[in-house]
Amino acid sequence: MYYLLRYHYVDDMATLREPHRAAHLSRLWQEADAGRVTLAGVAGEAGREAVIMWDVEDPAVVSAFAEADPYMMAGLITSYDVMPWRTVVGENAQFPVRP
């Protein structure tokens, strides 16, 4: 099942993240290498949000990642949410629907 993890960041995230960025990215790459994270990156023009696409069976895996994220531990994530994503169009859609 796909899930989207959406982070909401503090103001001036681009500056404040620097001491924590390598650890944050290292954890994301570990999850990507394990096949659990498909894509991740900053969203929006102001860089105040990020979206991480997960391919896992249990959304608790996603929440556990967020709670232990170095950005979270540093107080840089003001909130997050985990949404199931039921994909219906595209080569990798889990539930393809064609008219």
PDB file of N, CA and C in Angstrom:
ATOM      1  N   MET A   1       0.847  -1.181   0.000  1.00  0.00           N
ATOM      2  CA  MET A   1       0.000   0.000   0.000  1.00  0.00           C
ATOM      3  C   MET A   1       0.888   1.239   0.000  1.00  0.00           C
ATOM      4  N   TYR A   2       0.474   2.233  -0.730  1.00  0.00           N
ATOM      5  CA  TYR A   2       1.213   3.492  -0.726  1.00  0.00           C
ATOM      6  C   TYR A   2       0.656   4.421   0.352  1.00  0.00           C
ATOM      7  N   TYR A   3       1.562   5.164   0.963  1.00  0.00           N
ATOM      8  CA  TYR A   3       1.192   6.203   1.922  1.00  0.00           C
ATOM      9  C   TYR A   3       2.002   7.443   1.607  1.00  0.00           C
ATOM     10  N   LEU A   4       1.405   8.597   1.841  1.00  0.00           N
ATOM     11  CA  LEU A   4       2.106   9.867   1.729  1.00  0.00           C
ATOM     12  C   LEU A   4       2.317  10.422   3.121  1.00  0.00           C
ATOM     13  N   LEU A   5       3.555  10.730   3.431  1.00  0.00           N
ATOM     14  CA  LEU A   5       3.908  11.402   4.678  1.00  0.00           C
ATOM     15  C   LEU A   5       4.157  12.850   4.327  1.00  0.00           C
ATOM     16  N   ARG A   6       3.397  13.744   4.941  1.00  0.00           N
ATOM     17  CA  ARG A   6       3.553  15.178   4.662  1.00  0.00           C
ATOM     18  C   ARG A   6       4.027  15.876   5.929  1.00  0.00           C
ATOM     19  N   TYR A   7       5.147  16.575   5.800  1.00  0.00           N
ATOM     20  CA  TYR A   7       5.706  17.377   6.883  1.00  0.00           C
ATOM     21  C   TYR A   7       5.356  18.844   6.671  1.00  0.00           C
ATOM     22  N   HIS A   8       5.125  19.540   7.764  1.00  0.00           N
ATOM     23  CA  HIS A   8       5.009  21.003   7.764  1.00  0.00           C
ATOM     24  C   HIS A   8       6.201  21.516   8.575  1.00  0.00           C
ATOM     25  N   TYR A   9       6.965  22.401   7.957  1.00  0.00           N
ATOM     26  CA  TYR A   9       8.208  22.877   8.549  1.00  0.00           C
ATOM     27  C   TYR A   9       8.067  24.258   9.196  1.00  0.00           C
ATOM     28  N   VAL A  10       9.017  24.560  10.069  1.00  0.00           N
ATOM     29  CA  VAL A  10       9.134  25.880  10.673  1.00  0.00           C
ATOM     30  C   VAL A  10       9.575  26.896   9.618  1.00  0.00           C
ATOM     31  N   ASP A  11       9.399  28.166   9.922  1.00  0.00           N
ATOM     32  CA  ASP A  11       9.936  29.228   9.070  1.00  0.00           C
ATOM     33  C   ASP A  11      11.462  29.104   9.046  1.00  0.00           C
ATOM     34  N   ASP A  12      12.080  29.525   7.963  1.00  0.00           N
ATOM     35  CA  ASP A  12      13.537  29.528   7.801  1.00  0.00           C
ATOM     36  C   ASP A  12      14.130  28.122   7.868  1.00  0.00           C
ATOM     37  N   MET A  13      13.363  27.161   7.390  1.00  0.00           N
ATOM     38  CA  MET A  13      13.809  25.775   7.412  1.00  0.00           C
ATOM     39  C   MET A  13      15.115  25.578   6.658  1.00  0.00           C
ATOM     40  N   ALA A  14      15.283  26.272   5.532  1.00  0.00           N
ATOM     41  CA  ALA A  14      16.484  26.099   4.713  1.00  0.00           C
ATOM     42  C   ALA A  14      17.759  26.371   5.508  1.00  0.00           C
ATOM     43  N   THR A  15      17.707  27.293   6.430  1.00  0.00           N
ATOM     44  CA  THR A  15      18.865  27.609   7.261  1.00  0.00           C
ATOM     45  C   THR A  15      18.951  26.691   8.473  1.00  0.00           C
ATOM     46  N   LEU A  16      17.829  26.493   9.144  1.00  0.00           N
ATOM     47  CA  LEU A  16      17.814  25.745  10.402  1.00  0.00           C
ATOM     48  C   LEU A  16      18.085  24.249  10.218  1.00  0.00           C
ATOM     49  N   ARG A  17      17.824  23.718   9.043  1.00  0.00           N
ATOM     50  CA  ARG A  17      17.985  22.281   8.831  1.00  0.00           C
ATOM     51  C   ARG A  17      19.439  21.834   8.711  1.00  0.00           C
ATOM     52  N   GLU A  18      20.325  22.731   8.369  1.00  0.00           N
ATOM     53  CA  GLU A  18      21.697  22.354   8.003  1.00  0.00           C
ATOM     54  C   GLU A  18      22.389  21.416   8.997  1.00  0.00           C
ATOM     55  N   PRO A  19      22.337  21.660  10.310  1.00  0.00           N
ATOM     56  CA  PRO A  19      23.041  20.741  11.217  1.00  0.00           C
ATOM     57  C   PRO A  19      22.424  19.336  11.260  1.00  0.00           C
ATOM     58  N   HIS A  20      21.210  19.176  10.765  1.00  0.00           N
ATOM     59  CA  HIS A  20      20.473  17.919  10.877  1.00  0.00           C
ATOM     60  C   HIS A  20      20.229  17.248   9.525  1.00  0.00           C
ATOM     61  N   ARG A  21      20.565  17.927   8.445  1.00  0.00           N
ATOM     62  CA  ARG A  21      20.180  17.465   7.113  1.00  0.00           C
ATOM     63  C   ARG A  21      20.841  16.140   6.725  1.00  0.00           C
ATOM     64  N   ALA A  22      22.115  15.974   6.993  1.00  0.00           N
ATOM     65  CA  ALA A  22      22.802  14.730   6.614  1.00  0.00           C
ATOM     66  C   ALA A  22      22.165  13.530   7.306  1.00  0.00           C
ATOM     67  N   ALA A  23      21.848  13.655   8.574  1.00  0.00           N
ATOM     68  CA  ALA A  23      21.223  12.542   9.314  1.00  0.00           C
ATOM     69  C   ALA A  23      19.820  12.260   8.776  1.00  0.00           C
ATOM     70  N   HIS A  24      19.066  13.313   8.481  1.00  0.00           N
ATOM     71  CA  HIS A  24      17.724  13.175   7.913  1.00  0.00           C
ATOM     72  C   HIS A  24      17.786  12.450   6.576  1.00  0.00           C
ATOM     73  N   LEU A  25      18.656  12.903   5.680  1.00  0.00           N
ATOM     74  CA  LEU A  25      18.773  12.294   4.357  1.00  0.00           C
ATOM     75  C   LEU A  25      19.317  10.868   4.430  1.00  0.00           C
ATOM     76  N   SER A  26      20.221  10.616   5.340  1.00  0.00           N
ATOM     77  CA  SER A  26      20.760   9.273   5.509  1.00  0.00           C
ATOM     78  C   SER A  26      19.655   8.287   5.875  1.00  0.00           C
ATOM     79  N   ARG A  27      18.783   8.670   6.782  1.00  0.00           N
ATOM     80  CA  ARG A  27      17.668   7.799   7.170  1.00  0.00           C
ATOM     81  C   ARG A  27      16.721   7.585   5.996  1.00  0.00           C
ATOM     82  N   LEU A  28      16.448   8.638   5.231  1.00  0.00           N
ATOM     83  CA  LEU A  28      15.573   8.487   4.069  1.00  0.00           C
ATOM     84  C   LEU A  28      16.185   7.548   3.032  1.00  0.00           C
ATOM     85  N   TRP A  29      17.471   7.689   2.774  1.00  0.00           N
ATOM     86  CA  TRP A  29      18.125   6.815   1.802  1.00  0.00           C
ATOM     87  C   TRP A  29      18.143   5.372   2.292  1.00  0.00           C
ATOM     88  N   GLN A  30      18.278   5.150   3.582  1.00  0.00           N
ATOM     89  CA  GLN A  30      18.204   3.785   4.113  1.00  0.00           C
ATOM     90  C   GLN A  30      16.835   3.185   3.820  1.00  0.00           C
ATOM     91  N   GLU A  31      15.788   3.969   4.010  1.00  0.00           N
ATOM     92  CA  GLU A  31      14.432   3.496   3.734  1.00  0.00           C
ATOM     93  C   GLU A  31      14.224   3.276   2.229  1.00  0.00           C
ATOM     94  N   ALA A  32      14.791   4.141   1.415  1.00  0.00           N
ATOM     95  CA  ALA A  32      14.690   3.982  -0.043  1.00  0.00           C
ATOM     96  C   ALA A  32      15.434   2.722  -0.493  1.00  0.00           C
ATOM     97  N   ASP A  33      16.628   2.516   0.030  1.00  0.00           N
ATOM     98  CA  ASP A  33      17.403   1.330  -0.325  1.00  0.00           C
ATOM     99  C   ASP A  33      16.711   0.040   0.102  1.00  0.00           C
ATOM    100  N   ALA A  34      15.910   0.118   1.165  1.00  0.00           N
ATOM    101  CA  ALA A  34      15.161  -1.036   1.649  1.00  0.00           C
ATOM    102  C   ALA A  34      13.844  -1.228   0.885  1.00  0.00           C
ATOM    103  N   GLY A  35      13.539  -0.291  -0.027  1.00  0.00           N
ATOM    104  CA  GLY A  35      12.337  -0.406  -0.841  1.00  0.00           C
ATOM    105  C   GLY A  35      11.078   0.159  -0.209  1.00  0.00           C
ATOM    106  N   ARG A  36      11.217   0.867   0.898  1.00  0.00           N
ATOM    107  CA  ARG A  36      10.040   1.422   1.574  1.00  0.00           C
ATOM    108  C   ARG A  36       9.727   2.853   1.157  1.00  0.00           C
ATOM    109  N   VAL A  37      10.730   3.655   0.871  1.00  0.00           N
ATOM    110  CA  VAL A  37      10.512   5.030   0.399  1.00  0.00           C
ATOM    111  C   VAL A  37      10.733   5.048  -1.101  1.00  0.00           C
ATOM    112  N   THR A  38       9.748   5.590  -1.825  1.00  0.00           N
ATOM    113  CA  THR A  38       9.805   5.645  -3.283  1.00  0.00           C
ATOM    114  C   THR A  38      10.330   6.984  -3.770  1.00  0.00           C
ATOM    115  N   LEU A  39       9.823   8.060  -3.209  1.00  0.00           N
ATOM    116  CA  LEU A  39      10.230   9.428  -3.545  1.00  0.00           C
ATOM    117  C   LEU A  39      10.129  10.290  -2.298  1.00  0.00           C
ATOM    118  N   ALA A  40      10.946  11.338  -2.246  1.00  0.00           N
ATOM    119  CA  ALA A  40      10.882  12.283  -1.130  1.00  0.00           C
ATOM    120  C   ALA A  40      11.426  13.622  -1.582  1.00  0.00           C
ATOM    121  N   GLY A  41      10.830  14.700  -1.067  1.00  0.00           N
ATOM    122  CA  GLY A  41      11.346  16.017  -1.392  1.00  0.00           C
ATOM    123  C   GLY A  41      10.487  17.140  -0.859  1.00  0.00           C
ATOM    124  N   VAL A  42      11.015  18.330  -0.988  1.00  0.00           N
ATOM    125  CA  VAL A  42      10.322  19.545  -0.556  1.00  0.00           C
ATOM    126  C   VAL A  42       9.176  19.827  -1.516  1.00  0.00           C
ATOM    127  N   ALA A  43       8.086  20.336  -0.972  1.00  0.00           N
ATOM    128  CA  ALA A  43       6.912  20.658  -1.787  1.00  0.00           C
ATOM    129  C   ALA A  43       6.556  22.132  -1.625  1.00  0.00           C
ATOM    130  N   GLY A  44       6.047  22.717  -2.690  1.00  0.00           N
ATOM    131  CA  GLY A  44       5.631  24.121  -2.632  1.00  0.00           C
ATOM    132  C   GLY A  44       6.779  25.063  -2.883  1.00  0.00           C
ATOM    133  N   GLU A  45       6.424  26.258  -3.239  1.00  0.00           N
ATOM    134  CA  GLU A  45       7.411  27.278  -3.579  1.00  0.00           C
ATOM    135  C   GLU A  45       8.224  27.749  -2.379  1.00  0.00           C
ATOM    136  N   ALA A  46       7.608  27.830  -1.221  1.00  0.00           N
ATOM    137  CA  ALA A  46       8.293  28.384  -0.051  1.00  0.00           C
ATOM    138  C   ALA A  46       9.120  27.342   0.697  1.00  0.00           C
ATOM    139  N   GLY A  47       9.021  26.078   0.314  1.00  0.00           N
ATOM    140  CA  GLY A  47       9.783  25.042   1.000  1.00  0.00           C
ATOM    141  C   GLY A  47       9.324  24.809   2.416  1.00  0.00           C
ATOM    142  N   ARG A  48       8.067  25.057   2.681  1.00  0.00           N
ATOM    143  CA  ARG A  48       7.531  24.893   4.046  1.00  0.00           C
ATOM    144  C   ARG A  48       6.948  23.509   4.286  1.00  0.00           C
ATOM    145  N   GLU A  49       6.931  22.672   3.250  1.00  0.00           N
ATOM    146  CA  GLU A  49       6.402  21.324   3.388  1.00  0.00           C
ATOM    147  C   GLU A  49       7.309  20.349   2.661  1.00  0.00           C
ATOM    148  N   ALA A  50       7.162  19.083   3.013  1.00  0.00           N
ATOM    149  CA  ALA A  50       7.832  18.004   2.300  1.00  0.00           C
ATOM    150  C   ALA A  50       6.840  16.861   2.168  1.00  0.00           C
ATOM    151  N   VAL A  51       7.034  16.060   1.137  1.00  0.00           N
ATOM    152  CA  VAL A  51       6.195  14.883   0.922  1.00  0.00           C
ATOM    153  C   VAL A  51       7.110  13.693   0.689  1.00  0.00           C
ATOM    154  N   ILE A  52       6.797  12.599   1.375  1.00  0.00           N
ATOM    155  CA  ILE A  52       7.558  11.370   1.245  1.00  0.00           C
ATOM    156  C   ILE A  52       6.574  10.258   0.881  1.00  0.00           C
ATOM    157  N   MET A  53       6.838   9.589  -0.219  1.00  0.00           N
ATOM    158  CA  MET A  53       5.977   8.496  -0.672  1.00  0.00           C
ATOM    159  C   MET A  53       6.531   7.172  -0.161  1.00  0.00           C
ATOM    160  N   TRP A  54       5.690   6.435   0.539  1.00  0.00           N
ATOM    161  CA  TRP A  54       6.066   5.156   1.140  1.00  0.00           C
ATOM    162  C   TRP A  54       5.325   4.008   0.474  1.00  0.00           C
ATOM    163  N   ASP A  55       5.955   2.857   0.398  1.00  0.00           N
ATOM    164  CA  ASP A  55       5.338   1.624  -0.065  1.00  0.00           C
ATOM    165  C   ASP A  55       5.508   0.597   1.051  1.00  0.00           C
ATOM    166  N   VAL A  56       4.556   0.587   1.986  1.00  0.00           N
ATOM    167  CA  VAL A  56       4.592  -0.297   3.156  1.00  0.00           C
ATOM    168  C   VAL A  56       3.187  -0.821   3.435  1.00  0.00           C
ATOM    169  N   GLU A  57       3.104  -1.896   4.171  1.00  0.00           N
ATOM    170  CA  GLU A  57       1.805  -2.457   4.537  1.00  0.00           C
ATOM    171  C   GLU A  57       1.186  -1.754   5.739  1.00  0.00           C
ATOM    172  N   ASP A  58       2.015  -1.294   6.665  1.00  0.00           N
ATOM    173  CA  ASP A  58       1.527  -0.752   7.929  1.00  0.00           C
ATOM    174  C   ASP A  58       1.882   0.734   8.051  1.00  0.00           C
ATOM    175  N   PRO A  59       0.890   1.615   8.166  1.00  0.00           N
ATOM    176  CA  PRO A  59       1.189   3.040   8.289  1.00  0.00           C
ATOM    177  C   PRO A  59       1.936   3.383   9.579  1.00  0.00           C
ATOM    178  N   ALA A  60       1.943   2.479  10.550  1.00  0.00           N
ATOM    179  CA  ALA A  60       2.705   2.729  11.781  1.00  0.00           C
ATOM    180  C   ALA A  60       4.200   2.844  11.489  1.00  0.00           C
ATOM    181  N   VAL A  61       4.663   2.186  10.431  1.00  0.00           N
ATOM    182  CA  VAL A  61       6.069   2.288  10.015  1.00  0.00           C
ATOM    183  C   VAL A  61       6.379   3.738   9.637  1.00  0.00           C
ATOM    184  N   VAL A  62       5.457   4.356   8.942  1.00  0.00           N
ATOM    185  CA  VAL A  62       5.633   5.736   8.489  1.00  0.00           C
ATOM    186  C   VAL A  62       5.634   6.690   9.683  1.00  0.00           C
ATOM    187  N   SER A  63       4.679   6.517  10.582  1.00  0.00           N
ATOM    188  CA  SER A  63       4.597   7.372  11.770  1.00  0.00           C
ATOM    189  C   SER A  63       5.835   7.217  12.652  1.00  0.00           C
ATOM    190  N   ALA A  64       6.315   5.992  12.798  1.00  0.00           N
ATOM    191  CA  ALA A  64       7.517   5.760  13.610  1.00  0.00           C
ATOM    192  C   ALA A  64       8.723   6.468  13.009  1.00  0.00           C
ATOM    193  N   PHE A  65       8.821   6.438  11.673  1.00  0.00           N
ATOM    194  CA  PHE A  65       9.904   7.164  11.013  1.00  0.00           C
ATOM    195  C   PHE A  65       9.817   8.650  11.334  1.00  0.00           C
ATOM    196  N   ALA A  66       8.618   9.222  11.181  1.00  0.00           N
ATOM    197  CA  ALA A  66       8.436  10.660  11.404  1.00  0.00           C
ATOM    198  C   ALA A  66       8.799  11.049  12.837  1.00  0.00           C
ATOM    199  N   GLU A  67       8.366  10.261  13.791  1.00  0.00           N
ATOM    200  CA  GLU A  67       8.623  10.592  15.199  1.00  0.00           C
ATOM    201  C   GLU A  67      10.111  10.563  15.551  1.00  0.00           C
ATOM    202  N   ALA A  68      10.876   9.744  14.842  1.00  0.00           N
ATOM    203  CA  ALA A  68      12.314   9.626  15.119  1.00  0.00           C
ATOM    204  C   ALA A  68      13.178  10.417  14.135  1.00  0.00           C
ATOM    205  N   ASP A  69      12.556  11.132  13.215  1.00  0.00           N
ATOM    206  CA  ASP A  69      13.302  11.908  12.224  1.00  0.00           C
ATOM    207  C   ASP A  69      14.151  12.974  12.928  1.00  0.00           C
ATOM    208  N   PRO A  70      15.414  13.134  12.531  1.00  0.00           N
ATOM    209  CA  PRO A  70      16.246  14.173  13.133  1.00  0.00           C
ATOM    210  C   PRO A  70      15.617  15.567  13.051  1.00  0.00           C
ATOM    211  N   TYR A  71      14.879  15.857  11.990  1.00  0.00           N
ATOM    212  CA  TYR A  71      14.191  17.144  11.909  1.00  0.00           C
ATOM    213  C   TYR A  71      13.136  17.268  12.995  1.00  0.00           C
ATOM    214  N   MET A  72      12.421  16.186  13.279  1.00  0.00           N
ATOM    215  CA  MET A  72      11.417  16.202  14.335  1.00  0.00           C
ATOM    216  C   MET A  72      12.089  16.397  15.692  1.00  0.00           C
ATOM    217  N   MET A  73      13.161  15.665  15.913  1.00  0.00           N
ATOM    218  CA  MET A  73      13.881  15.741  17.193  1.00  0.00           C
ATOM    219  C   MET A  73      14.434  17.149  17.436  1.00  0.00           C
ATOM    220  N   ALA A  74      14.737  17.859  16.357  1.00  0.00           N
ATOM    221  CA  ALA A  74      15.274  19.219  16.469  1.00  0.00           C
ATOM    222  C   ALA A  74      14.163  20.276  16.519  1.00  0.00           C
ATOM    223  N   GLY A  75      12.906  19.863  16.445  1.00  0.00           N
ATOM    224  CA  GLY A  75      11.801  20.818  16.505  1.00  0.00           C
ATOM    225  C   GLY A  75      11.541  21.551  15.199  1.00  0.00           C
ATOM    226  N   LEU A  76      11.992  20.998  14.076  1.00  0.00           N
ATOM    227  CA  LEU A  76      11.841  21.669  12.789  1.00  0.00           C
ATOM    228  C   LEU A  76      10.554  21.284  12.054  1.00  0.00           C
ATOM    229  N   ILE A  77       9.914  20.214  12.500  1.00  0.00           N
ATOM    230  CA  ILE A  77       8.643  19.779  11.932  1.00  0.00           C
ATOM    231  C   ILE A  77       7.541  20.208  12.889  1.00  0.00           C
ATOM    232  N   THR A  78       6.650  21.071  12.399  1.00  0.00           N
ATOM    233  CA  THR A  78       5.589  21.565  13.276  1.00  0.00           C
ATOM    234  C   THR A  78       4.422  20.588  13.353  1.00  0.00           C
ATOM    235  N   SER A  79       4.202  19.824  12.291  1.00  0.00           N
ATOM    236  CA  SER A  79       3.178  18.790  12.283  1.00  0.00           C
ATOM    237  C   SER A  79       3.422  17.875  11.081  1.00  0.00           C
ATOM    238  N   TYR A  80       2.790  16.714  11.131  1.00  0.00           N
ATOM    239  CA  TYR A  80       2.866  15.807   9.994  1.00  0.00           C
ATOM    240  C   TYR A  80       1.574  15.019   9.914  1.00  0.00           C
ATOM    241  N   ASP A  81       1.315  14.474   8.740  1.00  0.00           N
ATOM    242  CA  ASP A  81       0.190  13.562   8.591  1.00  0.00           C
ATOM    243  C   ASP A  81       0.579  12.435   7.646  1.00  0.00           C
ATOM    244  N   VAL A  82      -0.092  11.316   7.828  1.00  0.00           N
ATOM    245  CA  VAL A  82       0.119  10.123   7.016  1.00  0.00           C
ATOM    246  C   VAL A  82      -1.207   9.813   6.341  1.00  0.00           C
ATOM    247  N   MET A  83      -1.184   9.768   5.004  1.00  0.00           N
ATOM    248  CA  MET A  83      -2.408   9.522   4.239  1.00  0.00           C
ATOM    249  C   MET A  83      -2.230   8.293   3.368  1.00  0.00           C
ATOM    250  N   PRO A  84      -3.199   7.378   3.375  1.00  0.00           N
ATOM    251  CA  PRO A  84      -3.146   6.300   2.393  1.00  0.00           C
ATOM    252  C   PRO A  84      -3.355   6.883   1.005  1.00  0.00           C
ATOM    253  N   TRP A  85      -2.667   6.326   0.027  1.00  0.00           N
ATOM    254  CA  TRP A  85      -2.758   6.833  -1.339  1.00  0.00           C
ATOM    255  C   TRP A  85      -3.120   5.682  -2.245  1.00  0.00           C
ATOM    256  N   ARG A  86      -4.330   5.646  -2.681  1.00  0.00           N
ATOM    257  CA  ARG A  86      -4.845   4.591  -3.557  1.00  0.00           C
ATOM    258  C   ARG A  86      -4.629   5.033  -5.000  1.00  0.00           C
ATOM    259  N   THR A  87      -3.596   4.502  -5.624  1.00  0.00           N
ATOM    260  CA  THR A  87      -3.223   4.934  -6.967  1.00  0.00           C
ATOM    261  C   THR A  87      -4.001   4.142  -8.012  1.00  0.00           C
ATOM    262  N   VAL A  88      -4.525   4.861  -9.031  1.00  0.00           N
ATOM    263  CA  VAL A  88      -5.367   4.232 -10.048  1.00  0.00           C
ATOM    264  C   VAL A  88      -4.890   4.467 -11.485  1.00  0.00           C
ATOM    265  N   VAL A  89      -3.964   5.378 -11.698  1.00  0.00           N
ATOM    266  CA  VAL A  89      -3.471   5.670 -13.045  1.00  0.00           C
ATOM    267  C   VAL A  89      -1.947   5.659 -13.025  1.00  0.00           C
ATOM    268  N   GLY A  90      -1.358   5.052 -14.032  1.00  0.00           N
ATOM    269  CA  GLY A  90       0.093   5.036 -14.164  1.00  0.00           C
ATOM    270  C   GLY A  90       0.639   3.627 -14.143  1.00  0.00           C
ATOM    271  N   GLU A  91       1.847   3.505 -14.610  1.00  0.00           N
ATOM    272  CA  GLU A  91       2.501   2.206 -14.733  1.00  0.00           C
ATOM    273  C   GLU A  91       2.580   1.472 -13.394  1.00  0.00           C
ATOM    274  N   ASN A  92       2.796   2.203 -12.304  1.00  0.00           N
ATOM    275  CA  ASN A  92       2.935   1.585 -10.990  1.00  0.00           C
ATOM    276  C   ASN A  92       1.674   1.680 -10.141  1.00  0.00           C
ATOM    277  N   ALA A  93       0.556   2.005 -10.745  1.00  0.00           N
ATOM    278  CA  ALA A  93      -0.698   2.118  -9.987  1.00  0.00           C
ATOM    279  C   ALA A  93      -1.028   0.771  -9.352  1.00  0.00           C
ATOM    280  N   GLN A  94      -1.431   0.820  -8.103  1.00  0.00           N
ATOM    281  CA  GLN A  94      -1.770  -0.410  -7.399  1.00  0.00           C
ATOM    282  C   GLN A  94      -3.140  -0.949  -7.799  1.00  0.00           C
ATOM    283  N   PHE A  95      -4.043  -0.064  -8.133  1.00  0.00           N
ATOM    284  CA  PHE A  95      -5.409  -0.449  -8.491  1.00  0.00           C
ATOM    285  C   PHE A  95      -5.784   0.222  -9.813  1.00  0.00           C
ATOM    286  N   PRO A  96      -5.166  -0.197 -10.926  1.00  0.00           N
ATOM    287  CA  PRO A  96      -5.371   0.486 -12.201  1.00  0.00           C
ATOM    288  C   PRO A  96      -6.850   0.490 -12.615  1.00  0.00           C
ATOM    289  N   VAL A  97      -7.292   1.641 -13.071  1.00  0.00           N
ATOM    290  CA  VAL A  97      -8.648   1.795 -13.584  1.00  0.00           C
ATOM    291  C   VAL A  97      -8.533   2.464 -14.942  1.00  0.00           C
ATOM    292  N   ARG A  98      -8.987   1.776 -15.963  1.00  0.00           N
ATOM    293  CA  ARG A  98      -9.003   2.349 -17.314  1.00  0.00           C
ATOM    294  C   ARG A  98     -10.449   2.446 -17.775  1.00  0.00           C
ATOM    295  N   PRO A  99     -10.823   3.572 -18.361  1.00  0.00           N
ATOM    296  CA  PRO A  99     -12.210   3.704 -18.851  1.00  0.00           C
ATOM    297  C   PRO A  99     -12.465   2.824 -20.067  1.00  0.00           C
TER     298      PRO A  99
END
